[in-house]
Amino acid sequence: MLGWALTFLVLALVAGLLGFSGLAGASANIAWVLFVVFLVLMVVSAVARALRGQSPA
């Protein structure tokens, strides 16, 4: 999921440089949403592992 977020971020940067502001804005929003979802899932996973008594490795 982090890979998709980075992909959309790069797409937004390239589109912004080429003047496609609508596409750049949409891609940046998608990248932001995917990054937030990734962070939430990472925290949930870390808490679940901690509650089971496993190391966070």
N, C-alpha and C. Protein backbone atom coordinates (compact mmCIF):
# COMPACT_ATOMS: atom_id res chain seq x y z
N MET A 1 0.83 -1.19 0.00
CA MET A 1 0.00 0.00 0.00
C MET A 1 0.87 1.25 0.00
N LEU A 2 1.97 1.16 0.69
CA LEU A 2 2.88 2.30 0.68
C LEU A 2 3.45 2.52 -0.72
N GLY A 3 3.65 1.44 -1.44
CA GLY A 3 4.13 1.54 -2.82
C GLY A 3 3.15 2.29 -3.71
N TRP A 4 1.84 2.02 -3.52
CA TRP A 4 0.83 2.72 -4.31
C TRP A 4 0.80 4.19 -3.94
N ALA A 5 0.95 4.49 -2.66
CA ALA A 5 0.96 5.90 -2.23
C ALA A 5 2.14 6.64 -2.87
N LEU A 6 3.29 6.00 -2.89
CA LEU A 6 4.47 6.63 -3.51
C LEU A 6 4.28 6.78 -5.02
N THR A 7 3.64 5.79 -5.64
CA THR A 7 3.38 5.87 -7.08
C THR A 7 2.49 7.07 -7.41
N PHE A 8 1.41 7.24 -6.65
CA PHE A 8 0.51 8.37 -6.91
C PHE A 8 1.18 9.69 -6.56
N LEU A 9 2.07 9.70 -5.58
CA LEU A 9 2.80 10.92 -5.26
C LEU A 9 3.70 11.33 -6.43
N VAL A 10 4.41 10.38 -6.99
CA VAL A 10 5.27 10.66 -8.14
C VAL A 10 4.43 11.11 -9.34
N LEU A 11 3.29 10.45 -9.54
CA LEU A 11 2.40 10.85 -10.63
C LEU A 11 1.92 12.28 -10.43
N ALA A 12 1.61 12.65 -9.20
CA ALA A 12 1.16 14.01 -8.91
C ALA A 12 2.28 15.02 -9.18
N LEU A 13 3.49 14.67 -8.79
CA LEU A 13 4.61 15.59 -9.03
C LEU A 13 4.88 15.79 -10.52
N VAL A 14 4.87 14.71 -11.27
CA VAL A 14 5.11 14.80 -12.71
C VAL A 14 3.99 15.58 -13.39
N ALA A 15 2.74 15.28 -13.01
CA ALA A 15 1.61 15.98 -13.62
C ALA A 15 1.66 17.48 -13.27
N GLY A 16 2.06 17.79 -12.05
CA GLY A 16 2.19 19.20 -11.67
C GLY A 16 3.26 19.92 -12.46
N LEU A 17 4.37 19.24 -12.70
CA LEU A 17 5.45 19.85 -13.48
C LEU A 17 5.04 20.08 -14.93
N LEU A 18 4.18 19.19 -15.44
CA LEU A 18 3.75 19.32 -16.83
C LEU A 18 2.53 20.23 -16.99
N GLY A 19 1.99 20.74 -15.88
CA GLY A 19 0.89 21.68 -15.97
C GLY A 19 -0.49 21.07 -15.87
N PHE A 20 -0.60 19.81 -15.57
CA PHE A 20 -1.90 19.17 -15.41
C PHE A 20 -2.33 19.27 -13.95
N SER A 21 -2.83 20.45 -13.58
CA SER A 21 -3.11 20.70 -12.16
C SER A 21 -4.26 19.84 -11.64
N GLY A 22 -5.26 19.56 -12.46
CA GLY A 22 -6.39 18.73 -12.01
C GLY A 22 -5.94 17.32 -11.69
N LEU A 23 -5.16 16.74 -12.59
CA LEU A 23 -4.64 15.39 -12.38
C LEU A 23 -3.66 15.37 -11.22
N ALA A 24 -2.87 16.40 -11.08
CA ALA A 24 -1.91 16.47 -9.98
C ALA A 24 -2.63 16.53 -8.64
N GLY A 25 -3.67 17.32 -8.55
CA GLY A 25 -4.44 17.42 -7.31
C GLY A 25 -5.11 16.12 -6.95
N ALA A 26 -5.70 15.46 -7.94
CA ALA A 26 -6.37 14.18 -7.68
C ALA A 26 -5.37 13.12 -7.25
N SER A 27 -4.24 13.07 -7.91
CA SER A 27 -3.22 12.09 -7.56
C SER A 27 -2.64 12.35 -6.17
N ALA A 28 -2.47 13.61 -5.83
CA ALA A 28 -1.96 13.95 -4.50
C ALA A 28 -2.96 13.55 -3.42
N ASN A 29 -4.24 13.75 -3.68
CA ASN A 29 -5.26 13.34 -2.71
C ASN A 29 -5.29 11.83 -2.54
N ILE A 30 -5.19 11.10 -3.62
CA ILE A 30 -5.17 9.63 -3.55
C ILE A 30 -3.94 9.17 -2.78
N ALA A 31 -2.80 9.77 -3.05
CA ALA A 31 -1.57 9.40 -2.34
C ALA A 31 -1.70 9.67 -0.85
N TRP A 32 -2.30 10.79 -0.49
CA TRP A 32 -2.49 11.14 0.92
C TRP A 32 -3.41 10.12 1.62
N VAL A 33 -4.52 9.77 0.98
CA VAL A 33 -5.45 8.81 1.57
C VAL A 33 -4.78 7.45 1.75
N LEU A 34 -4.07 6.99 0.74
CA LEU A 34 -3.39 5.69 0.84
C LEU A 34 -2.32 5.71 1.92
N PHE A 35 -1.62 6.81 2.07
CA PHE A 35 -0.59 6.91 3.10
C PHE A 35 -1.21 6.87 4.50
N VAL A 36 -2.32 7.56 4.68
CA VAL A 36 -3.00 7.55 5.99
C VAL A 36 -3.52 6.15 6.29
N VAL A 37 -4.10 5.48 5.31
CA VAL A 37 -4.58 4.10 5.51
C VAL A 37 -3.41 3.20 5.87
N PHE A 38 -2.28 3.37 5.20
CA PHE A 38 -1.09 2.58 5.52
C PHE A 38 -0.66 2.80 6.96
N LEU A 39 -0.62 4.07 7.40
CA LEU A 39 -0.22 4.37 8.78
C LEU A 39 -1.17 3.75 9.79
N VAL A 40 -2.48 3.84 9.54
CA VAL A 40 -3.46 3.26 10.46
C VAL A 40 -3.28 1.75 10.54
N LEU A 41 -3.12 1.09 9.40
CA LEU A 41 -2.93 -0.36 9.41
C LEU A 41 -1.64 -0.77 10.10
N MET A 42 -0.59 0.04 9.95
CA MET A 42 0.67 -0.25 10.61
C MET A 42 0.53 -0.16 12.13
N VAL A 43 -0.16 0.87 12.60
CA VAL A 43 -0.36 1.02 14.05
C VAL A 43 -1.23 -0.10 14.59
N VAL A 44 -2.30 -0.44 13.89
CA VAL A 44 -3.17 -1.55 14.33
C VAL A 44 -2.38 -2.85 14.38
N SER A 45 -1.55 -3.08 13.41
CA SER A 45 -0.73 -4.30 13.38
C SER A 45 0.26 -4.32 14.54
N ALA A 46 0.89 -3.20 14.83
CA ALA A 46 1.85 -3.14 15.94
C ALA A 46 1.16 -3.35 17.28
N VAL A 47 -0.02 -2.77 17.45
CA VAL A 47 -0.76 -2.96 18.70
C VAL A 47 -1.20 -4.41 18.84
N ALA A 48 -1.66 -5.01 17.76
CA ALA A 48 -2.09 -6.41 17.81
C ALA A 48 -0.93 -7.32 18.18
N ARG A 49 0.24 -7.07 17.62
CA ARG A 49 1.41 -7.89 17.95
C ARG A 49 1.82 -7.69 19.41
N ALA A 50 1.73 -6.46 19.90
CA ALA A 50 2.09 -6.18 21.28
C ALA A 50 1.13 -6.86 22.25
N LEU A 51 -0.15 -6.88 21.91
CA LEU A 51 -1.14 -7.52 22.78
C LEU A 51 -0.96 -9.04 22.81
N ARG A 52 -0.44 -9.61 21.74
CA ARG A 52 -0.18 -11.05 21.71
C ARG A 52 1.14 -11.39 22.35
N GLY A 53 1.93 -10.39 22.72
CA GLY A 53 3.19 -10.64 23.40
C GLY A 53 4.36 -10.93 22.49
N GLN A 54 4.25 -10.61 21.24
CA GLN A 54 5.33 -10.83 20.29
C GLN A 54 6.17 -9.57 20.18
N SER A 55 7.42 -9.77 19.83
CA SER A 55 8.30 -8.62 19.65
C SER A 55 7.92 -7.86 18.38
N PRO A 56 8.16 -6.56 18.34
CA PRO A 56 7.76 -5.76 17.15
C PRO A 56 8.78 -5.86 16.01
N ALA A 57 9.43 -6.95 15.85
CA ALA A 57 10.43 -7.12 14.80
C ALA A 57 9.83 -7.39 13.51
